């Protein structure tokens, strides 16, 4: 018996249909950076005094990449 959440199932299903890579949610790095920049912009409005949000998008992108490599968000195989 395999137990997995909906997102893991959906990514696996899409991968089996050739619609996306198994371990990738967004493989287009330019599009990924655009989405990260939008997210940082939205969150920074709630926390205007934090200098963290003035950092380059690449910092956040690299952090997300590192987190994904740690296995905490990898789908079950």
Protein backbone atom coordinates (compact mmCIF):
# COMPACT_ATOMS: atom_id res chain seq x y z
CA UNK A 1 0.00 0.00 0.00
CA UNK A 2 1.30 3.45 -0.94
CA UNK A 3 0.24 6.44 1.13
CA UNK A 4 0.81 9.86 -0.41
CA UNK A 5 -0.87 13.24 -0.44
CA UNK A 6 -2.78 14.60 -3.41
CA UNK A 7 0.10 16.75 -4.67
CA UNK A 8 2.50 13.81 -4.70
CA UNK A 9 -0.07 11.71 -6.52
CA UNK A 10 -0.82 14.46 -9.05
CA UNK A 11 2.87 15.07 -9.84
CA UNK A 12 3.41 11.33 -10.26
CA UNK A 13 0.39 11.03 -12.54
CA UNK A 14 1.50 13.97 -14.69
CA UNK A 15 5.01 12.49 -14.87
CA UNK A 16 3.61 9.13 -16.00
CA UNK A 17 1.74 10.94 -18.79
CA UNK A 18 4.89 12.81 -19.88
CA UNK A 19 3.42 16.15 -18.79
CA UNK A 20 6.10 17.04 -16.21
CA UNK A 21 9.22 15.64 -14.63
CA UNK A 22 8.64 13.55 -11.50
CA UNK A 23 10.58 15.80 -9.10
CA UNK A 24 9.85 19.15 -10.74
CA UNK A 25 7.01 21.51 -10.16
CA UNK A 26 8.33 24.39 -12.24
CA UNK A 27 11.29 23.65 -14.50
CA UNK A 28 11.39 26.95 -16.43
CA UNK A 29 13.84 28.99 -14.34
CA UNK A 30 12.80 32.34 -15.82
CA UNK A 31 9.15 31.69 -15.00
CA UNK A 32 10.18 30.40 -11.58
CA UNK A 33 12.04 33.64 -10.82
CA UNK A 34 9.04 35.72 -11.93
CA UNK A 35 6.76 33.80 -9.57
CA UNK A 36 9.23 34.07 -6.69
CA UNK A 37 9.57 37.82 -7.27
CA UNK A 38 5.78 38.21 -7.18
CA UNK A 39 5.55 36.18 -3.96
CA UNK A 40 8.33 38.18 -2.30
CA UNK A 41 6.65 41.42 -3.36
CA UNK A 42 3.32 40.36 -1.88
CA UNK A 43 4.79 39.14 1.41
CA UNK A 44 7.08 42.17 1.75
CA UNK A 45 4.03 44.44 1.87
CA UNK A 46 3.02 42.76 5.13
CA UNK A 47 6.52 43.00 6.62
CA UNK A 48 7.87 46.29 5.25
CA UNK A 49 10.50 46.74 7.95
CA UNK A 50 12.35 43.49 7.23
CA UNK A 51 15.44 44.06 5.03
CA UNK A 52 15.32 40.42 3.90
CA UNK A 53 12.82 41.29 1.18
CA UNK A 54 15.26 43.68 -0.46
CA UNK A 55 17.54 40.78 -1.36
CA UNK A 56 17.84 39.54 -4.96
CA UNK A 57 15.35 36.95 -6.24
CA UNK A 58 18.27 34.56 -6.76
CA UNK A 59 18.70 34.30 -2.98
CA UNK A 60 15.16 33.00 -2.55
CA UNK A 61 15.44 30.76 -5.61
CA UNK A 62 18.64 29.21 -4.25
CA UNK A 63 17.03 28.68 -0.83
CA UNK A 64 14.08 26.85 -2.43
CA UNK A 65 16.49 24.72 -4.47
CA UNK A 66 18.46 23.84 -1.33
CA UNK A 67 15.32 22.93 0.62
CA UNK A 68 14.14 20.68 -2.21
CA UNK A 69 17.51 18.88 -2.24
CA UNK A 70 17.23 18.09 1.45
CA UNK A 71 14.48 15.62 0.75
CA UNK A 72 11.82 17.36 2.82
CA UNK A 73 9.68 18.09 -0.22
CA UNK A 74 10.63 15.19 -2.47
CA UNK A 75 7.74 12.99 -3.59
CA UNK A 76 7.50 9.36 -2.46
CA UNK A 77 8.71 6.95 -5.11
